Protein backbone atom coordinates (compact mmCIF):
# COMPACT_ATOMS: atom_id res chain seq x y z
CA MET A 1 97.27 -97.64 164.93
CA LEU A 2 93.96 -99.34 165.58
CA HIS A 3 95.36 -101.39 168.45
CA TYR A 4 95.76 -98.18 170.46
CA PHE A 5 91.97 -98.14 170.69
CA THR A 6 91.42 -101.88 171.19
CA ASP A 7 94.38 -103.14 173.20
CA PRO A 8 93.40 -103.51 176.91
CA VAL A 9 96.62 -101.85 178.06
CA LEU A 10 96.75 -99.00 175.53
CA ARG A 11 93.05 -98.27 175.23
CA ALA A 12 92.55 -96.38 178.50
CA PRO A 13 95.61 -94.07 178.22
CA THR A 14 94.84 -93.28 174.58
CA LEU A 15 91.10 -92.64 174.80
CA GLY A 16 91.33 -91.05 178.25
CA ALA A 17 94.03 -88.62 177.14
CA MET A 18 92.14 -87.77 173.95
CA PHE A 19 88.93 -86.99 175.82
CA MET A 20 90.77 -85.01 178.49
CA CYS A 21 92.74 -82.92 175.99
CA ALA A 22 89.61 -82.27 173.90
CA ALA A 23 87.78 -81.02 177.00
CA ALA A 24 90.73 -78.84 177.99
CA GLY A 25 90.86 -77.42 174.46
CA LEU A 26 87.19 -76.38 174.63
CA VAL A 27 87.58 -74.56 177.93
CA GLY A 28 90.92 -73.12 176.88
CA VAL A 29 89.43 -71.35 173.86
CA ILE A 30 87.19 -69.14 175.98
CA PHE A 31 89.91 -68.17 178.42
CA PHE A 32 92.40 -67.70 175.57
CA LEU A 33 90.04 -65.24 173.86
CA ARG A 34 89.39 -63.49 177.18
CA LYS A 35 93.15 -63.07 177.54
CA GLN A 36 93.13 -65.09 180.77
CA SER A 37 95.38 -67.94 179.73
CA LEU A 38 97.59 -67.49 182.80
CA LEU A 39 94.58 -68.31 184.94
CA GLY A 40 94.93 -71.98 184.01
CA GLU A 41 98.58 -71.92 185.04
CA ALA A 42 97.74 -70.41 188.41
CA LEU A 43 94.83 -72.74 189.12
CA SER A 44 96.71 -75.89 188.11
CA HIS A 45 99.45 -75.04 190.61
CA ALA A 46 96.84 -74.05 193.19
CA ALA A 47 95.43 -77.58 192.93
CA TYR A 48 98.72 -79.13 194.08
CA PRO A 49 98.34 -78.54 197.84
CA GLY A 50 94.87 -80.09 197.55
CA VAL A 51 96.47 -83.23 196.14
CA ILE A 52 98.74 -83.47 199.19
CA LEU A 53 95.94 -82.70 201.63
CA GLY A 54 93.80 -85.38 200.00
CA VAL A 55 96.57 -87.93 200.50
CA ILE A 56 97.07 -86.88 204.13
CA LEU A 57 93.33 -87.06 204.85
CA ALA A 58 93.05 -90.50 203.26
CA ALA A 59 95.97 -91.72 205.38
CA LEU A 60 94.45 -90.29 208.56
CA LEU A 61 91.15 -92.06 207.82
CA GLY A 62 92.97 -95.36 207.50
CA PHE A 63 92.86 -95.88 203.72
CA SER A 64 95.65 -97.87 202.14
CA ASP A 65 97.79 -96.64 199.28
CA LEU A 66 96.56 -99.71 197.38
CA GLN A 67 92.94 -98.53 197.49
CA GLU A 68 93.39 -96.43 194.35
CA ALA A 69 89.74 -95.56 193.75
CA SER A 70 89.19 -94.16 197.24
CA LEU A 71 92.53 -92.40 197.27
CA THR A 72 91.83 -90.83 193.88
CA SER A 73 88.51 -89.51 195.16
CA PHE A 74 90.19 -87.82 198.14
CA ILE A 75 92.90 -86.37 195.89
CA LEU A 76 90.51 -84.95 193.30
CA TRP A 77 88.23 -83.38 195.90
CA GLY A 78 91.20 -81.89 197.69
CA ALA A 79 92.55 -80.49 194.42
CA PHE A 80 89.13 -79.09 193.54
CA VAL A 81 88.80 -77.30 196.88
CA THR A 82 92.25 -75.69 196.79
CA ALA A 83 91.90 -74.74 193.13
CA LEU A 84 88.64 -72.98 194.00
CA ALA A 85 90.37 -71.35 196.94
CA GLY A 86 93.08 -70.12 194.56
CA LEU A 87 90.41 -68.77 192.21
CA PHE A 88 88.64 -66.86 194.98
CA SER A 89 92.00 -65.54 196.20
CA ILE A 90 92.80 -64.20 192.74
CA TYR A 91 89.35 -62.63 192.51
CA PHE A 92 89.79 -61.02 195.94
CA LEU A 93 93.21 -59.61 195.10
CA GLU A 94 92.06 -58.19 191.78
CA ASN A 95 88.68 -56.77 192.75
CA ARG A 96 88.98 -55.90 196.43
CA LEU A 97 92.64 -55.01 196.82
CA LYS A 98 92.95 -53.66 193.24
CA ILE A 99 96.11 -55.64 192.54
CA HIS A 100 96.95 -56.02 188.86
CA SER A 101 95.90 -59.31 187.29
CA ASP A 102 99.43 -60.46 186.45
CA ALA A 103 100.66 -59.79 189.97
CA ALA A 104 97.68 -61.56 191.54
CA LEU A 105 98.10 -64.63 189.33
CA CYS A 106 101.82 -64.91 190.03
CA LEU A 107 101.33 -64.41 193.75
CA ILE A 108 98.68 -67.13 194.07
CA LEU A 109 100.63 -69.51 191.83
CA ALA A 110 103.79 -69.17 193.89
CA LEU A 111 102.00 -69.17 197.25
CA PHE A 112 99.84 -72.25 196.69
CA TYR A 113 102.54 -74.21 194.89
CA GLY A 114 104.98 -73.38 197.68
CA VAL A 115 102.52 -74.69 200.26
CA GLY A 116 102.10 -77.83 198.15
CA VAL A 117 105.85 -78.44 197.98
CA LEU A 118 106.11 -77.90 201.73
CA LEU A 119 103.38 -80.46 202.41
CA ALA A 120 104.88 -82.88 199.86
CA SER A 121 108.24 -82.80 201.64
CA HIS A 122 106.42 -83.72 204.85
CA VAL A 123 104.55 -86.60 203.17
CA GLN A 124 107.77 -87.88 201.62
CA PHE A 125 109.16 -88.80 205.03
CA THR A 126 106.05 -89.44 207.13
CA LEU A 127 103.78 -91.19 204.58
CA THR A 128 106.32 -92.77 202.28
CA ASN A 129 103.89 -95.26 200.73
CA PHE A 130 101.53 -92.46 199.70
CA TYR A 131 104.24 -90.25 198.21
CA ARG A 132 104.11 -92.18 194.94
CA GLN A 133 100.54 -90.95 194.42
CA VAL A 134 101.71 -87.39 194.97
CA GLN A 135 104.29 -87.74 192.23
CA VAL A 136 101.68 -89.13 189.83
CA TYR A 137 99.63 -85.94 190.09
CA LEU A 138 102.64 -83.65 189.96
CA TYR A 139 104.05 -84.90 186.66
CA GLY A 140 101.17 -86.99 185.34
CA GLN A 141 101.08 -90.70 184.59
CA ALA A 142 98.65 -91.29 181.75
CA ALA A 143 100.15 -94.68 180.91
CA THR A 144 98.76 -96.26 184.11
CA MET A 145 95.16 -95.14 183.60
CA THR A 146 92.44 -97.79 183.61
CA ASP A 147 89.16 -98.03 181.71
CA ILE A 148 87.32 -96.06 184.39
CA TYR A 149 89.22 -92.97 183.26
CA ILE A 150 87.75 -93.31 179.78
CA LEU A 151 84.31 -92.87 181.32
CA ILE A 152 85.46 -90.02 183.57
CA TYR A 153 87.07 -88.02 180.76
CA ALA A 154 84.28 -88.77 178.29
CA LEU A 155 81.77 -87.50 180.85
CA LEU A 156 83.91 -84.39 181.42
CA LEU A 157 84.00 -83.68 177.68
CA LEU A 158 80.26 -84.28 177.36
CA VAL A 159 79.41 -81.94 180.24
CA ILE A 160 81.72 -79.16 179.06
CA GLY A 161 80.51 -79.49 175.47
CA ALA A 162 76.85 -79.45 176.54
CA ILE A 163 77.28 -76.37 178.73
CA ILE A 164 79.13 -74.46 176.01
CA TRP A 165 76.50 -75.45 173.44
CA PHE A 166 73.64 -74.41 175.76
CA PHE A 167 75.19 -71.04 176.66
CA TYR A 168 76.96 -70.52 173.33
CA LYS A 169 75.53 -67.08 172.50
CA GLU A 170 75.97 -65.82 176.06
CA PHE A 171 79.58 -67.02 176.24
CA GLN A 172 80.25 -65.42 172.88
CA LEU A 173 78.86 -62.08 174.05
CA ILE A 174 80.70 -61.93 177.36
CA THR A 175 83.91 -62.97 175.60
CA PHE A 176 83.87 -60.35 172.86
CA ASP A 177 81.68 -57.53 174.23
CA ARG A 178 81.15 -57.81 177.96
CA ASN A 179 79.76 -54.28 178.36
CA TYR A 180 77.08 -54.88 175.75
CA ALA A 181 76.18 -58.19 177.41
CA GLN A 182 75.68 -56.40 180.73
CA THR A 183 73.60 -53.71 179.01
CA ILE A 184 71.08 -56.20 177.61
CA GLY A 185 70.73 -57.98 180.93
CA ILE A 186 72.86 -61.09 180.48
CA PRO A 187 73.96 -62.42 183.92
CA THR A 188 77.69 -62.07 183.34
CA GLN A 189 78.72 -62.98 186.88
CA PHE A 190 76.65 -66.17 186.79
CA LEU A 191 78.20 -67.15 183.46
CA ASP A 192 81.67 -66.31 184.79
CA GLY A 193 80.98 -68.65 187.68
CA ILE A 194 80.06 -71.45 185.28
CA LEU A 195 83.23 -70.89 183.27
CA PHE A 196 85.37 -70.89 186.40
CA ILE A 197 83.80 -74.16 187.54
CA LEU A 198 84.50 -75.64 184.10
CA ILE A 199 88.15 -74.64 184.07
CA VAL A 200 88.68 -75.85 187.63
CA SER A 201 87.00 -79.16 186.80
CA ALA A 202 89.05 -79.60 183.63
CA ILE A 203 92.28 -78.88 185.51
CA VAL A 204 91.51 -81.07 188.52
CA ILE A 205 90.42 -84.06 186.46
CA GLY A 206 93.14 -83.57 183.87
CA ILE A 207 96.12 -83.46 186.22
CA ARG A 208 96.02 -87.26 186.44
CA SER A 209 97.12 -87.37 182.79
CA VAL A 210 99.69 -84.62 182.34
CA GLY A 211 100.27 -83.41 185.88
CA VAL A 212 99.93 -80.14 187.74
CA VAL A 213 103.02 -78.62 186.14
CA LEU A 214 101.98 -79.21 182.52
CA MET A 215 98.17 -79.05 182.66
CA SER A 216 98.02 -75.37 181.77
CA ALA A 217 99.71 -76.14 178.44
CA MET A 218 96.70 -78.21 177.39
CA LEU A 219 94.46 -75.22 178.01
CA VAL A 220 96.58 -72.88 175.91
CA ALA A 221 98.23 -74.85 173.08
CA PRO A 222 95.09 -76.21 171.31
CA ALA A 223 93.37 -72.82 171.54
CA ALA A 224 96.44 -70.96 170.26
CA ALA A 225 96.79 -73.41 167.37
CA ALA A 226 93.10 -73.19 166.46
CA ARG A 227 93.23 -69.39 166.47
CA GLN A 228 95.69 -69.44 163.57
CA PHE A 229 93.12 -71.04 161.26
CA THR A 230 89.88 -69.19 161.88
CA HIS A 231 88.21 -65.99 163.04
CA HIS A 232 84.94 -67.72 163.99
CA PHE A 233 84.22 -68.65 167.59
CA SER A 234 82.35 -71.87 166.80
CA LYS A 235 85.00 -73.12 164.37
CA MET A 236 87.74 -72.29 166.86
CA LEU A 237 85.99 -74.38 169.51
CA LEU A 238 85.75 -77.37 167.18
CA LEU A 239 89.32 -76.99 165.96
CA ALA A 240 90.70 -76.71 169.50
CA MET A 241 88.77 -79.81 170.54
CA GLY A 242 90.14 -81.72 167.54
CA ILE A 243 93.70 -80.51 168.07
CA GLY A 244 93.48 -81.48 171.73
CA ALA A 245 92.28 -84.97 170.83
CA ILE A 246 95.05 -85.39 168.24
CA SER A 247 97.63 -84.24 170.79
CA GLY A 248 96.37 -86.81 173.27
CA PHE A 249 96.71 -89.58 170.72
CA LEU A 250 100.13 -88.49 169.45
CA GLY A 251 101.49 -88.22 172.98
CA ASN A 252 100.58 -91.85 173.65
CA TYR A 253 101.80 -92.95 170.24
CA PHE A 254 105.22 -91.31 170.44
CA SER A 255 105.80 -92.31 174.05
CA ILE A 256 105.68 -95.94 172.88
CA GLU A 257 106.82 -95.94 169.27
CA LEU A 258 109.98 -93.83 169.51
CA GLY A 259 111.91 -96.78 170.90
CA VAL A 260 112.89 -95.17 174.19
CA SER A 261 110.95 -94.98 177.44
CA LEU A 262 109.28 -91.56 177.49
CA PRO A 263 106.54 -90.37 179.89
CA THR A 264 103.16 -90.02 178.23
CA GLY A 265 102.08 -86.76 179.90
CA PRO A 266 105.02 -84.64 178.75
CA MET A 267 104.78 -86.22 175.29
CA ILE A 268 101.15 -85.11 175.08
CA VAL A 269 102.17 -81.56 175.94
CA LEU A 270 105.08 -81.65 173.46
CA SER A 271 102.73 -82.90 170.74
CA ALA A 272 100.29 -80.07 171.44
CA ALA A 273 103.15 -77.55 171.46
CA ALA A 274 104.49 -78.92 168.17
CA ILE A 275 101.06 -78.61 166.52
CA CYS A 276 100.76 -75.06 167.85
CA PHE A 277 104.23 -74.17 166.57
CA LEU A 278 103.48 -75.59 163.11
CA ALA A 279 100.17 -73.72 163.01
CA ILE A 280 101.90 -70.45 163.89
CA LEU A 281 104.36 -71.05 161.07
CA PHE A 282 102.19 -72.50 158.29
CA ALA A 283 98.55 -71.44 158.85
CA PRO A 284 97.22 -70.05 155.53
CA GLN A 285 96.15 -66.60 156.75
CA ARG A 286 98.00 -65.92 160.00
CA GLY A 287 101.03 -68.18 159.61
CA ILE A 288 104.40 -66.47 159.86
CA LEU A 289 105.72 -68.17 156.73
CA TRP A 290 102.80 -67.14 154.52
CA ARG A 291 102.82 -63.62 155.97
CA MET A 292 106.50 -63.40 155.02
CA VAL A 293 105.64 -64.65 151.51
CA ARG A 294 102.84 -62.10 151.13
CA THR A 295 105.09 -59.34 152.45
CA ALA A 296 107.86 -60.28 150.03
CA ARG A 297 105.42 -60.41 147.11
CA PHE A 298 103.98 -57.00 148.00
CA ARG A 299 107.43 -55.50 148.38
CA SER A 300 108.45 -56.96 145.02
CA ARG A 301 105.31 -55.55 143.36
CA CYS A 302 105.98 -52.12 144.86
CA GLN A 303 109.53 -52.15 143.57
CA GLN A 304 108.41 -53.24 140.11
CA GLU A 305 105.95 -50.36 140.03
CA ASN A 306 108.67 -47.96 141.20
CA ILE A 307 110.90 -49.17 138.35
CA LEU A 308 108.16 -48.52 135.80
CA LYS A 309 107.51 -45.10 137.30
CA ALA A 310 111.20 -44.20 137.34
CA ILE A 311 111.68 -45.09 133.64
CA TRP A 312 108.43 -43.31 132.68
CA ARG A 313 109.65 -40.11 134.31
CA LEU A 314 112.79 -40.17 132.16
CA GLY A 315 110.62 -39.35 129.15
CA GLN A 316 109.10 -40.97 126.11
CA GLY A 317 111.47 -43.45 124.46
CA ALA A 318 114.08 -43.06 127.16
CA GLY A 319 115.70 -46.01 128.81
CA ALA A 320 117.73 -46.67 131.91
CA SER A 321 120.74 -48.84 132.62
CA LEU A 322 120.98 -51.31 135.49
CA GLU A 323 123.29 -49.02 137.47
CA HIS A 324 121.05 -46.02 136.84
CA LEU A 325 118.00 -47.92 138.07
CA LYS A 326 119.91 -49.16 141.09
CA ARG A 327 120.61 -45.57 142.10
CA LEU A 328 117.02 -44.47 141.43
CA ILE A 329 115.32 -47.34 143.28
CA GLY A 330 117.86 -47.81 146.06
CA THR A 331 118.03 -51.59 146.19
CA ASN A 332 120.56 -54.39 145.80
CA SER A 333 121.54 -55.89 142.45
CA VAL A 334 119.97 -59.32 143.05
CA GLU A 335 116.55 -57.96 144.00
CA LEU A 336 116.62 -55.44 141.16
CA ALA A 337 117.59 -58.09 138.60
CA PHE A 338 114.73 -60.34 139.74
CA ASN A 339 112.15 -57.56 139.49
CA LEU A 340 113.43 -56.50 136.08
CA TRP A 341 113.06 -60.11 134.92
CA ARG A 342 109.48 -60.19 136.26
CA LEU A 343 108.65 -56.98 134.42
CA ARG A 344 109.99 -58.44 131.19
CA VAL A 345 107.95 -61.62 131.71
CA ASN A 346 104.81 -59.51 132.24
CA GLY A 347 105.49 -57.66 128.99
CA TRP A 348 105.96 -54.25 130.61
CA LEU A 349 109.67 -53.87 129.98
CA THR A 350 112.07 -54.64 127.19
CA HIS A 351 115.85 -54.92 127.28
CA ARG A 352 117.78 -53.30 124.47
CA GLY A 353 121.52 -53.36 124.75
CA ALA A 354 122.46 -52.03 128.17
CA HIS A 355 119.19 -50.17 128.68
CA TYR A 356 115.69 -51.09 129.81
CA GLU A 357 112.74 -49.45 128.06
CA LEU A 358 109.00 -49.51 128.63
CA THR A 359 106.71 -51.38 126.28
CA PRO A 360 103.35 -49.79 125.34
CA ASP A 361 101.71 -51.83 128.13
CA GLY A 362 104.47 -50.74 130.48
CA ILE A 363 103.87 -47.09 129.60
CA ASN A 364 100.17 -47.44 130.42
CA ARG A 365 100.96 -49.23 133.68
CA ALA A 366 103.51 -46.60 134.73
CA ALA A 367 101.13 -43.75 133.84
CA LYS A 368 98.45 -45.33 136.02
CA ILE A 369 100.83 -45.50 139.00
CA VAL A 370 101.83 -41.87 138.54
CA ARG A 371 98.17 -40.92 138.24
CA LEU A 372 97.33 -42.62 141.56
CA HIS A 373 100.28 -40.92 143.22
CA ARG A 374 99.28 -37.45 142.09
CA LEU A 375 95.56 -37.94 142.76
CA TRP A 376 96.36 -38.82 146.34
CA GLU A 377 98.55 -35.74 146.68
CA VAL A 378 95.66 -33.57 145.48
CA TYR A 379 93.34 -35.24 148.00
CA LEU A 380 95.74 -34.68 150.91
CA VAL A 381 96.20 -31.01 150.05
CA ASP A 382 92.59 -30.10 149.13
CA TYR A 383 90.67 -32.18 151.69
CA LEU A 384 93.06 -32.74 154.60
CA GLY A 385 94.82 -29.41 154.44
CA MET A 386 98.36 -30.81 154.34
CA GLY A 387 101.15 -28.75 152.91
CA ALA A 388 102.23 -29.66 149.38
CA GLU A 389 105.79 -30.27 150.60
CA LYS A 390 104.59 -32.97 153.04
CA VAL A 391 102.41 -35.18 150.85
CA HIS A 392 104.97 -36.99 148.71
CA ARG A 393 105.90 -39.71 151.22
CA SER A 394 102.27 -40.59 151.95
CA ALA A 395 101.48 -40.71 148.23
CA GLU A 396 104.48 -43.01 147.66
CA GLU A 397 102.91 -45.49 150.07
CA MET A 398 99.30 -45.18 148.93
CA GLU A 399 99.91 -45.44 145.19
CA HIS A 400 100.58 -49.17 145.56
CA ILE A 401 97.37 -50.03 147.41
CA LEU A 402 94.73 -47.79 145.82
CA THR A 403 92.17 -49.98 144.08
CA PRO A 404 90.38 -49.12 140.82
CA GLU A 405 87.24 -48.41 142.85
CA LEU A 406 89.11 -45.90 145.03
CA GLU A 407 90.65 -44.33 141.95
CA ARG A 408 87.18 -43.74 140.50
CA GLU A 409 85.95 -42.32 143.80
CA LEU A 410 88.92 -39.96 144.03
CA THR A 411 88.45 -38.85 140.42
CA LEU A 412 84.79 -38.08 141.07
CA LEU A 413 85.48 -36.37 144.42
CA LEU A 414 88.31 -34.22 143.05
CA LYS A 415 86.45 -33.51 139.78
CA ASP A 416 89.11 -35.13 137.61
CA PRO A 417 92.02 -32.73 138.34
CA LYS A 418 94.62 -32.13 135.65
CA GLN A 419 97.54 -31.09 137.85
CA ASP A 420 98.91 -32.15 141.23
CA PRO A 421 99.87 -29.65 144.01
CA HIS A 422 103.35 -29.35 142.46
CA ALA A 423 101.87 -28.24 139.11
CA GLN A 424 102.79 -31.59 137.52
CA PRO A 425 100.31 -32.98 134.98
CA ILE A 426 98.18 -35.92 136.10
CA PRO A 427 98.02 -38.65 133.43
CA PRO A 428 94.44 -39.09 132.19
CA ALA A 429 92.28 -42.00 133.31
CA PRO A 430 92.04 -45.01 131.00
CA PHE A 431 88.21 -44.56 131.06
CA PRO A 432 86.14 -41.55 129.93
CA THR A 433 85.58 -38.99 132.66
CA ALA A 434 81.84 -39.01 131.94
CA GLU A 435 81.64 -42.61 133.17
CA VAL A 436 83.11 -41.74 136.56
């Protein structure tokens, strides 16, 4: 893969896309956490009429479509101006006309993009030679970037990174607690202005790589992926920057190595989306898959404890058959058989003939569960004033999550009660009451 960074043809698209996506990831984190991700979508589409106006102005001033550097300058400045105009329009609609944020964003997106399409249809027939440049900025054309774009995107990343580093604490405050930031005198409007300039700059400069239509994805996908792995603002910034850079590289790599001709810009976006999708599925703490595993394990533990409790309530030395337990627990045969096997492996249950009986360790474990259940019932009745007939369901849920520390606190608070509100005996604690 080293030739992607050294080959004269591949170097600029690869490094340029990596720097651009890393910069977009940094800016995207802040707006993602501020719940303003749709702002990038609106502003990227608002930049499109500026692209067309830049082309028209360049043509009127006599520039040729072959003068790429000059034409690019006109296009980028035009996109910057209309993107800012879109931003001010959104601000006006939200703050002056009191239009809801979603409505304002959708209105500006549709309005500006519609104007852009209208102008593009005019350019298509009147300035045919320039229309190719319009298409480049609509869908992106990272593969044709030259070495100058490496410098442009590296400078963009450096500026964005430096500004975020310099105002890190202020950005963190206005992102998570804006009211407190205003209370202590932080200039929130000034910082908002800086952030808006950053996102407009990232969008305007980045549309050369992935296009107006897809640019917003590079603001959202790296940030959304990074959020799955951390709760820390600084780590999320670094992760989003890294994910963005990896997406930029993979988009270039797959557009060439898959054996079919695929556009680089959409491949960059697809790579970022794939990373985001995998993060949502497999992230250790927030990933859907691991949450499902933890949920299944907790449900299994609860059912195992309910089995122990059900057999314990049958009396000392009593056992229960598989069908009897199935009726008591209310579950299917497969799940019940698995949990019975787990209880036997843990040494809490033994199987004799057609019946399951508790071992001495199982008896102690079941008594502890019943104790937690009845302690919680006492607490709900004595301290929260609930009726004794209403506390059973809550106690059924809490008995599985009460920790030993909470058990000791409840025992001390309730003065080690001997009976629950239903006059049922509460099994004694496994530790002396004097220690509590």
